[in-house]
């Protein structure tokens, strides 16, 4: 049986980064960049007015109040090029190009004007209200680097430099399955011996930010034919819950081999989640998660999410952990690495963790009001070691 660290390493070594694809920028939010984004243009590419007002040449200005004739009117989007005429003004709108020879814009609120003449009433500063070429972004500026996530706020920036497509790492197509004759879907009435299927909903919600698509199949019965059919499907990743332990009908590892999957890992010295199963078939990956609901959530967080983050190009895909100590009233014993949800807080300047009160791997409600996962490592020749990781770090890329 592998240690937690060994199990993580086995999966990490097997997982390969996905191919690079080009997608429309409007669909690229939360993807990971596969190449640097360097601006090919100045933004804006010409001098333009920051205000509705009047453009003048600063040397033509005088002590206020003074008046100048209006030579022309220019709007944003105009391509007309006006020649400079000494001692004249150009009526100009926000965003319109500032004609050559004119270097200062006085906002309309500081003037009075007719159709042919404008009077300036407040002190004027040279170059005021004129945006220079490349004032926002310069041609050649490195805006985003390979490995960065495309924040939704960045998409308008990509558009502003003329990009319509962007190179990203492809997200996987995932199939999520729950096994068990006892399971029924929420919304139905329970009969004696039945349980609602929660695992598919837990896994789907945890993985949603990292996937191109998630298909949740119908509940797979604990019958060999059903499992063969499920594991023969063509998805980048198949995730099952249940059927990987030591029961009479826990035959996912066996049937996976029959379906061409090569076992890489089965069982790790952790609690919960000991029966964790991982296999590979060419460029496909199979995660067999334990069926107990808390075990499903914990193993999804510790094994599946880091693997998918690596696939989609996240640079720091491993779980970020921080050293902590246990609160005095929080004790759980285990001969395996304990990975349990709990509270994480500051106490006397130190980071302290406290396990959730529920102590059963079937108790999904142990997740309620918790801040993250607590790792308790024990060995015969070393003191107990405590590390923590926060849910927001686990569930974001």
Protein backbone atom coordinates (compact mmCIF):
# COMPACT_ATOMS: atom_id res chain seq x y z
CA UNK A 1 0.00 0.00 0.00
CA UNK A 2 1.39 3.37 -1.02
CA UNK A 3 1.84 6.36 1.25
CA UNK A 4 -0.08 9.54 0.51
CA UNK A 5 3.02 11.19 -0.97
CA UNK A 6 3.75 8.14 -3.12
CA UNK A 7 0.16 8.02 -4.39
CA UNK A 8 0.29 11.71 -5.34
CA UNK A 9 3.58 11.18 -7.17
CA UNK A 10 2.32 8.11 -9.09
CA UNK A 11 -0.65 10.07 -10.41
CA UNK A 12 1.42 13.16 -11.16
CA UNK A 13 3.95 11.16 -13.18
CA UNK A 14 1.22 9.52 -15.26
CA UNK A 15 -0.72 12.70 -16.02
CA UNK A 16 0.34 14.66 -19.10
CA UNK A 17 -0.46 18.22 -20.00
CA UNK A 18 -3.17 18.50 -22.64
CA UNK A 19 -2.78 19.76 -26.19
CA UNK A 20 -2.77 23.45 -27.09
CA UNK A 21 -5.83 24.76 -28.91
CA UNK A 22 -7.01 28.13 -30.22
CA UNK A 23 -10.37 29.35 -28.97
CA UNK A 24 -12.40 32.52 -29.38
CA UNK A 25 -11.55 35.08 -26.72
CA UNK A 26 -15.20 35.33 -25.66
CA UNK A 27 -15.02 31.65 -24.64
CA UNK A 28 -11.62 31.80 -22.96
CA UNK A 29 -12.46 32.87 -19.40
CA UNK A 30 -10.75 30.63 -16.80
CA UNK A 31 -8.65 28.78 -19.36
CA UNK A 32 -4.86 28.68 -18.90
CA UNK A 33 -2.72 30.50 -21.46
CA UNK A 34 -0.41 28.36 -23.57
CA UNK A 35 1.61 31.28 -24.93
CA UNK A 36 2.59 34.79 -23.90
CA UNK A 37 0.29 37.64 -24.92
CA UNK A 38 2.34 40.51 -26.40
CA UNK A 39 0.54 43.53 -27.76
CA UNK A 40 1.00 44.02 -31.53
CA UNK A 41 -0.36 47.58 -31.37
CA UNK A 42 -0.42 50.76 -29.36
CA UNK A 43 -3.64 51.34 -27.43
CA UNK A 44 -4.78 53.83 -28.54
CA UNK A 45 -2.73 54.04 -31.76
CA UNK A 46 -3.18 57.82 -32.10
CA UNK A 47 -3.48 60.92 -29.92
CA UNK A 48 -7.08 61.34 -28.85
CA UNK A 49 -9.21 63.55 -26.70
CA UNK A 50 -10.05 62.56 -23.12
CA UNK A 51 -12.93 65.06 -23.04
CA UNK A 52 -15.69 66.63 -25.08
CA UNK A 53 -14.33 70.11 -25.73
CA UNK A 54 -12.05 72.15 -27.96
CA UNK A 55 -8.57 71.35 -29.23
CA UNK A 56 -6.09 74.23 -29.46
CA UNK A 57 -2.36 74.76 -29.94
CA UNK A 58 -1.04 75.84 -26.56
CA UNK A 59 1.12 78.66 -28.04
CA UNK A 60 -2.12 80.18 -29.42
CA UNK A 61 -3.64 80.49 -25.96
CA UNK A 62 -3.82 83.83 -24.16
CA UNK A 63 -4.82 85.11 -20.77
CA UNK A 64 -8.42 84.12 -20.16
CA UNK A 65 -10.97 85.02 -21.19
CA UNK A 66 -10.09 84.94 -24.89
CA UNK A 67 -11.81 83.68 -28.04
CA UNK A 68 -10.84 81.66 -31.13
CA UNK A 69 -12.74 80.80 -34.29
CA UNK A 70 -13.87 77.17 -34.67
CA UNK A 71 -12.22 75.62 -37.73
CA UNK A 72 -14.03 72.24 -37.73
CA UNK A 73 -15.74 69.54 -35.67
CA UNK A 74 -14.28 66.02 -35.22
CA UNK A 75 -15.88 62.94 -33.70
CA UNK A 76 -14.61 59.58 -32.48
CA UNK A 77 -14.15 57.39 -35.55
CA UNK A 78 -13.54 60.30 -37.94
CA UNK A 79 -10.72 59.72 -40.39
CA UNK A 80 -10.55 63.32 -41.62
CA UNK A 81 -7.12 64.93 -41.21
CA UNK A 82 -7.38 68.63 -40.43
CA UNK A 83 -4.44 70.90 -41.19
CA UNK A 84 -3.35 73.17 -38.39
CA UNK A 85 -4.41 76.79 -38.77
CA UNK A 86 -2.84 79.24 -36.32
CA UNK A 87 -5.15 80.79 -33.77
CA UNK A 88 -8.06 78.45 -34.38
CA UNK A 89 -9.84 75.76 -32.35
CA UNK A 90 -11.24 72.38 -33.31
CA UNK A 91 -14.46 71.27 -31.64
CA UNK A 92 -13.70 67.70 -30.56
CA UNK A 93 -15.52 64.77 -28.93
CA UNK A 94 -14.19 62.21 -26.46
CA UNK A 95 -12.02 59.62 -28.22
CA UNK A 96 -11.67 61.61 -31.44
CA UNK A 97 -8.16 61.96 -32.94
CA UNK A 98 -6.44 65.20 -32.00
CA UNK A 99 -5.28 66.81 -35.29
CA UNK A 100 -1.58 67.49 -35.82
CA UNK A 101 -0.52 70.90 -34.56
CA UNK A 102 -3.11 70.88 -31.78
CA UNK A 103 -1.83 69.68 -28.43
CA UNK A 104 -4.31 70.70 -25.76
CA UNK A 105 -8.02 70.05 -25.16
CA UNK A 106 -10.20 72.31 -23.01
CA UNK A 107 -13.31 70.62 -21.73
CA UNK A 108 -16.57 72.06 -22.95
CA UNK A 109 -17.74 72.99 -19.42
CA UNK A 110 -14.95 75.61 -19.25
CA UNK A 111 -16.11 77.44 -22.38
CA UNK A 112 -18.96 79.29 -23.99
CA UNK A 113 -19.40 78.95 -27.72
CA UNK A 114 -21.46 79.55 -30.82
CA UNK A 115 -21.36 77.67 -34.11
CA UNK A 116 -18.35 79.72 -35.22
CA UNK A 117 -16.48 80.86 -32.11
CA UNK A 118 -15.46 79.58 -28.68
CA UNK A 119 -14.50 81.63 -25.60
CA UNK A 120 -12.21 80.09 -22.99
CA UNK A 121 -12.95 81.10 -19.44
CA UNK A 122 -10.56 79.10 -17.19
CA UNK A 123 -6.79 78.76 -17.00
CA UNK A 124 -5.36 76.32 -19.57
CA UNK A 125 -2.51 73.87 -19.02
CA UNK A 126 -0.38 72.62 -21.89
CA UNK A 127 -1.22 69.06 -23.11
CA UNK A 128 -4.24 68.78 -20.84
CA UNK A 129 -6.90 66.17 -21.72
CA UNK A 130 -4.88 64.65 -24.59
CA UNK A 131 -4.17 60.91 -24.49
CA UNK A 132 -0.88 59.99 -26.11
CA UNK A 133 -0.42 56.98 -28.45
CA UNK A 134 0.21 53.83 -26.38
CA UNK A 135 -0.74 55.58 -23.16
CA UNK A 136 -2.72 52.51 -22.08
CA UNK A 137 -0.75 49.72 -23.81
CA UNK A 138 2.36 50.00 -25.96
CA UNK A 139 3.24 47.92 -29.00
CA UNK A 140 5.44 45.09 -27.67
CA UNK A 141 4.17 45.18 -24.07
CA UNK A 142 4.05 41.75 -22.40
CA UNK A 143 0.53 41.63 -20.99
CA UNK A 144 0.04 38.01 -19.92
CA UNK A 145 2.40 35.07 -19.58
CA UNK A 146 2.13 31.39 -20.38
CA UNK A 147 0.54 29.57 -17.45
CA UNK A 148 -1.66 32.46 -16.33
CA UNK A 149 -5.38 31.96 -15.97
CA UNK A 150 -7.48 34.18 -18.20
CA UNK A 151 -9.46 36.27 -15.77
CA UNK A 152 -12.84 37.35 -17.23
CA UNK A 153 -11.64 40.95 -16.81
CA UNK A 154 -8.76 40.26 -19.22
CA UNK A 155 -10.92 39.37 -22.20
CA UNK A 156 -11.68 43.00 -23.02
CA UNK A 157 -7.92 43.68 -22.93
CA UNK A 158 -7.34 40.92 -25.48
CA UNK A 159 -9.99 42.49 -27.68
CA UNK A 160 -8.40 45.94 -27.28
CA UNK A 161 -5.18 44.70 -28.92
CA UNK A 162 -7.04 43.09 -31.80
CA UNK A 163 -6.98 39.44 -30.71
CA UNK A 164 -9.96 37.32 -31.70
CA UNK A 165 -8.47 33.98 -30.65
CA UNK A 166 -6.05 32.90 -27.93
CA UNK A 167 -3.89 29.79 -27.42
CA UNK A 168 -4.88 27.79 -24.33
CA UNK A 169 -4.53 24.30 -22.90
CA UNK A 170 -7.53 22.16 -23.77
CA UNK A 171 -9.83 21.26 -20.90
CA UNK A 172 -10.85 17.60 -20.51
CA UNK A 173 -14.20 15.96 -21.16
CA UNK A 174 -15.19 14.10 -18.03
CA UNK A 175 -17.63 11.31 -17.29
CA UNK A 176 -18.82 11.01 -13.68
CA UNK A 177 -20.41 7.76 -12.50
CA UNK A 178 -21.79 6.55 -9.19
CA UNK A 179 -22.03 2.81 -8.57
CA UNK A 180 -24.37 1.02 -6.23
CA UNK A 181 -27.71 -0.79 -6.35
CA UNK A 182 -28.84 1.18 -3.31
CA UNK A 183 -28.61 4.58 -5.01
CA UNK A 184 -31.47 6.64 -6.44
CA UNK A 185 -31.49 10.20 -7.73
CA UNK A 186 -32.67 13.12 -5.61
CA UNK A 187 -36.30 14.01 -6.23
CA UNK A 188 -37.51 10.43 -5.91
CA UNK A 189 -39.03 8.86 -2.83
CA UNK A 190 -36.71 6.68 -0.79
CA UNK A 191 -37.58 3.06 -0.18
CA UNK A 192 -36.12 0.99 2.62
CA UNK A 193 -32.46 0.22 1.89
CA UNK A 194 -32.01 3.09 -0.54
CA UNK A 195 -29.82 6.21 -0.39
CA UNK A 196 -29.78 9.36 -2.45
CA UNK A 197 -26.88 9.65 -4.89
CA UNK A 198 -24.80 12.57 -3.59
CA UNK A 199 -21.38 11.61 -4.92
CA UNK A 200 -22.03 12.58 -8.54
CA UNK A 201 -23.19 16.00 -7.42
CA UNK A 202 -20.17 16.47 -5.15
CA UNK A 203 -17.69 15.52 -7.87
CA UNK A 204 -19.38 17.50 -10.63
CA UNK A 205 -19.54 20.69 -8.57
CA UNK A 206 -15.92 20.37 -7.42
CA UNK A 207 -14.61 19.84 -10.96
CA UNK A 208 -16.81 22.30 -12.87
CA UNK A 209 -14.21 25.13 -13.03
CA UNK A 210 -11.61 22.89 -14.66
CA UNK A 211 -13.49 21.03 -17.38
CA UNK A 212 -14.73 21.56 -20.91
CA UNK A 213 -17.75 19.39 -20.16
CA UNK A 214 -18.94 17.02 -17.47
CA UNK A 215 -21.34 14.22 -18.27
CA UNK A 216 -23.09 12.62 -15.31
CA UNK A 217 -24.29 9.21 -16.41
CA UNK A 218 -27.09 7.27 -14.85
CA UNK A 219 -26.29 5.30 -11.73
CA UNK A 220 -24.24 2.21 -12.58
CA UNK A 221 -25.59 -0.92 -10.99
CA UNK A 222 -23.31 -3.30 -9.18
CA UNK A 223 -23.43 -5.68 -12.14
CA UNK A 224 -20.49 -6.62 -14.32
CA UNK A 225 -22.22 -5.78 -17.59
CA UNK A 226 -23.07 -2.27 -16.38
CA UNK A 227 -19.51 -1.61 -15.23
CA UNK A 228 -17.99 -2.91 -18.50
CA UNK A 229 -20.27 -0.60 -20.47
CA UNK A 230 -19.39 2.36 -18.24
CA UNK A 231 -15.62 1.87 -18.37
CA UNK A 232 -15.59 1.36 -22.14
CA UNK A 233 -16.76 4.89 -22.89
CA UNK A 234 -14.62 7.46 -24.68
CA UNK A 235 -13.87 10.35 -22.35
CA UNK A 236 -10.63 12.06 -21.38
CA UNK A 237 -11.31 11.22 -17.74
CA UNK A 238 -13.75 8.78 -16.16
CA UNK A 239 -14.47 9.17 -12.46
CA UNK A 240 -16.37 6.52 -10.54
CA UNK A 241 -17.38 6.41 -6.90
CA UNK A 242 -17.81 3.11 -5.13
CA UNK A 243 -16.84 -0.38 -6.25
CA UNK A 244 -13.12 -0.15 -5.42
CA UNK A 245 -12.95 -1.59 -1.91
CA UNK A 246 -12.99 -5.25 -0.78
CA UNK A 247 -16.67 -6.17 -1.07
CA UNK A 248 -18.12 -8.94 -3.20
CA UNK A 249 -19.30 -6.42 -5.80
CA UNK A 250 -16.30 -4.07 -5.69
CA UNK A 251 -14.99 -5.18 -9.05
CA UNK A 252 -14.10 -1.89 -10.79
CA UNK A 253 -10.32 -2.56 -10.63
CA UNK A 254 -10.80 -6.03 -12.11
CA UNK A 255 -13.13 -4.93 -14.89
CA UNK A 256 -11.00 -1.89 -15.66
CA UNK A 257 -8.16 -4.23 -16.57
CA UNK A 258 -10.49 -6.22 -18.82
CA UNK A 259 -11.43 -2.96 -20.58
CA UNK A 260 -7.81 -2.09 -21.36
CA UNK A 261 -7.02 0.15 -18.41
CA UNK A 262 -3.56 -0.21 -16.87
CA UNK A 263 -3.59 0.01 -13.09
CA UNK A 264 -1.19 2.58 -11.64
CA UNK A 265 -2.46 2.77 -8.07
CA UNK A 266 -4.83 0.88 -5.82
CA UNK A 267 -5.00 1.76 -2.14
CA UNK A 268 -3.15 4.43 -0.22
CA UNK A 269 -2.41 4.69 3.49
CA UNK A 270 -4.87 7.52 4.09
CA UNK A 271 -8.08 8.06 6.00
CA UNK A 272 -10.61 8.52 4.54
CA UNK A 273 -10.05 7.21 1.03
CA UNK A 274 -7.87 4.13 1.45
CA UNK A 275 -9.31 2.21 -1.58
CA UNK A 276 -8.44 5.01 -4.09
CA UNK A 277 -7.88 3.53 -7.56
CA UNK A 278 -6.15 5.12 -10.56
CA UNK A 279 -5.57 3.67 -14.04
CA UNK A 280 -4.60 4.81 -17.53
CA UNK A 281 -5.64 3.78 -21.03
CA UNK A 282 -3.55 5.53 -23.69
CA UNK A 283 -4.33 9.22 -23.06
CA UNK A 284 -7.37 8.53 -20.88
CA UNK A 285 -7.43 8.47 -17.10
CA UNK A 286 -9.67 6.59 -14.68
CA UNK A 287 -10.14 7.59 -11.06
CA UNK A 288 -12.00 5.09 -8.90
CA UNK A 289 -13.00 6.99 -5.78
CA UNK A 290 -14.29 5.27 -2.63
CA UNK A 291 -18.06 5.24 -2.25
CA UNK A 292 -18.41 6.76 1.22
CA UNK A 293 -19.47 10.37 0.55
CA UNK A 294 -16.80 12.11 2.63
CA UNK A 295 -14.15 9.80 1.15
CA UNK A 296 -15.34 10.78 -2.32
CA UNK A 297 -15.00 14.50 -1.58
CA UNK A 298 -11.58 14.17 0.07
CA UNK A 299 -10.04 11.99 -2.63
CA UNK A 300 -11.49 14.21 -5.35
CA UNK A 301 -9.80 17.19 -3.69
CA UNK A 302 -6.46 15.47 -3.09
CA UNK A 303 -6.01 13.41 -6.26
CA UNK A 304 -8.44 14.37 -9.04
CA UNK A 305 -8.29 18.16 -8.88
CA UNK A 306 -4.47 18.41 -8.87
CA UNK A 307 -4.36 15.99 -11.80
CA UNK A 308 -6.82 18.03 -13.83
CA UNK A 309 -4.99 21.24 -12.98
CA UNK A 310 -1.83 19.71 -14.47
CA UNK A 311 -3.76 18.64 -17.58
CA UNK A 312 -5.10 22.15 -18.21
CA UNK A 313 -1.73 23.86 -17.75
CA UNK A 314 -1.88 25.21 -14.19
CA UNK A 315 1.74 25.79 -13.17
CA UNK A 316 1.32 25.17 -9.44
CA UNK A 317 -1.09 22.25 -9.64
CA UNK A 318 -0.16 20.52 -6.37
CA UNK A 319 -2.17 21.21 -3.24
CA UNK A 320 -0.71 24.23 -1.43
CA UNK A 321 -0.18 23.26 2.23
CA UNK A 322 0.88 25.28 5.26
CA UNK A 323 2.22 24.02 8.58
CA UNK A 324 -0.13 24.35 11.54
CA UNK A 325 -0.78 22.92 14.98
CA UNK A 326 -3.85 21.14 16.32
CA UNK A 327 -6.11 22.80 18.82
CA UNK A 328 -5.92 21.16 22.25
CA UNK A 329 -9.47 19.81 22.08
CA UNK A 330 -9.10 18.31 18.58
CA UNK A 331 -7.80 14.75 18.62
CA UNK A 332 -8.20 12.01 16.01
CA UNK A 333 -6.10 8.87 15.93
CA UNK A 334 -5.20 6.95 12.81
CA UNK A 335 -2.42 4.65 11.75
CA UNK A 336 -2.65 6.25 8.30
CA UNK A 337 -2.25 9.80 7.06
CA UNK A 338 -5.43 11.50 8.23
CA UNK A 339 -7.02 13.97 5.78
CA UNK A 340 -10.06 15.50 7.42
CA UNK A 341 -12.09 18.67 6.96
CA UNK A 342 -11.97 21.26 9.71
CA UNK A 343 -11.63 24.83 10.87
CA UNK A 344 -8.39 26.77 10.33
CA UNK A 345 -7.75 29.88 12.38
CA UNK A 346 -5.18 32.13 14.02
CA UNK A 347 -4.52 31.75 17.74
CA UNK A 348 -1.82 33.73 19.56
CA UNK A 349 -0.15 34.51 16.25
CA UNK A 350 -0.01 30.87 15.09
CA UNK A 351 -2.05 28.88 12.59
CA UNK A 352 -4.26 26.36 14.37
CA UNK A 353 -6.55 23.64 13.00
CA UNK A 354 -9.51 21.82 14.50
CA UNK A 355 -11.08 18.68 13.00
CA UNK A 356 -14.78 18.67 12.14
CA UNK A 357 -16.87 17.00 14.83
CA UNK A 358 -18.23 14.28 12.53
CA UNK A 359 -15.76 11.38 12.48
CA UNK A 360 -17.32 9.01 9.91
CA UNK A 361 -16.18 8.76 6.29
CA UNK A 362 -19.88 8.44 5.39
CA UNK A 363 -20.69 11.79 7.05
CA UNK A 364 -20.73 14.29 4.19
CA UNK A 365 -22.05 16.92 6.61
CA UNK A 366 -18.55 17.00 8.13
CA UNK A 367 -17.83 19.50 5.33
CA UNK A 368 -20.26 22.07 6.74
CA UNK A 369 -18.69 25.26 8.11
CA UNK A 370 -15.14 24.07 7.42
CA UNK A 371 -12.29 26.12 5.99
CA UNK A 372 -10.30 23.36 4.35
CA UNK A 373 -8.55 20.04 4.83
CA UNK A 374 -6.26 19.11 7.71
CA UNK A 375 -3.42 16.64 7.08
CA UNK A 376 -2.14 14.70 10.09
CA UNK A 377 0.99 12.68 9.39
CA UNK A 378 2.08 10.14 12.01
CA UNK A 379 5.07 7.82 12.15
CA UNK A 380 6.81 5.72 14.74
CA UNK A 381 10.04 7.71 14.66
CA UNK A 382 8.83 11.31 14.29
CA UNK A 383 6.42 13.73 15.99
CA UNK A 384 2.98 14.19 14.53
CA UNK A 385 3.04 16.70 11.67
CA UNK A 386 0.05 18.91 10.83
CA UNK A 387 -0.52 20.73 7.53
CA UNK A 388 -3.59 22.52 6.18
CA UNK A 389 -4.95 23.65 2.84
CA UNK A 390 -7.94 25.95 2.25
CA UNK A 391 -10.98 25.09 0.16
CA UNK A 392 -10.64 28.25 -1.92
CA UNK A 393 -7.09 27.18 -2.89
CA UNK A 394 -8.21 23.64 -3.73
CA UNK A 395 -11.23 24.69 -5.78
CA UNK A 396 -9.65 27.50 -7.83
CA UNK A 397 -7.01 27.56 -10.55
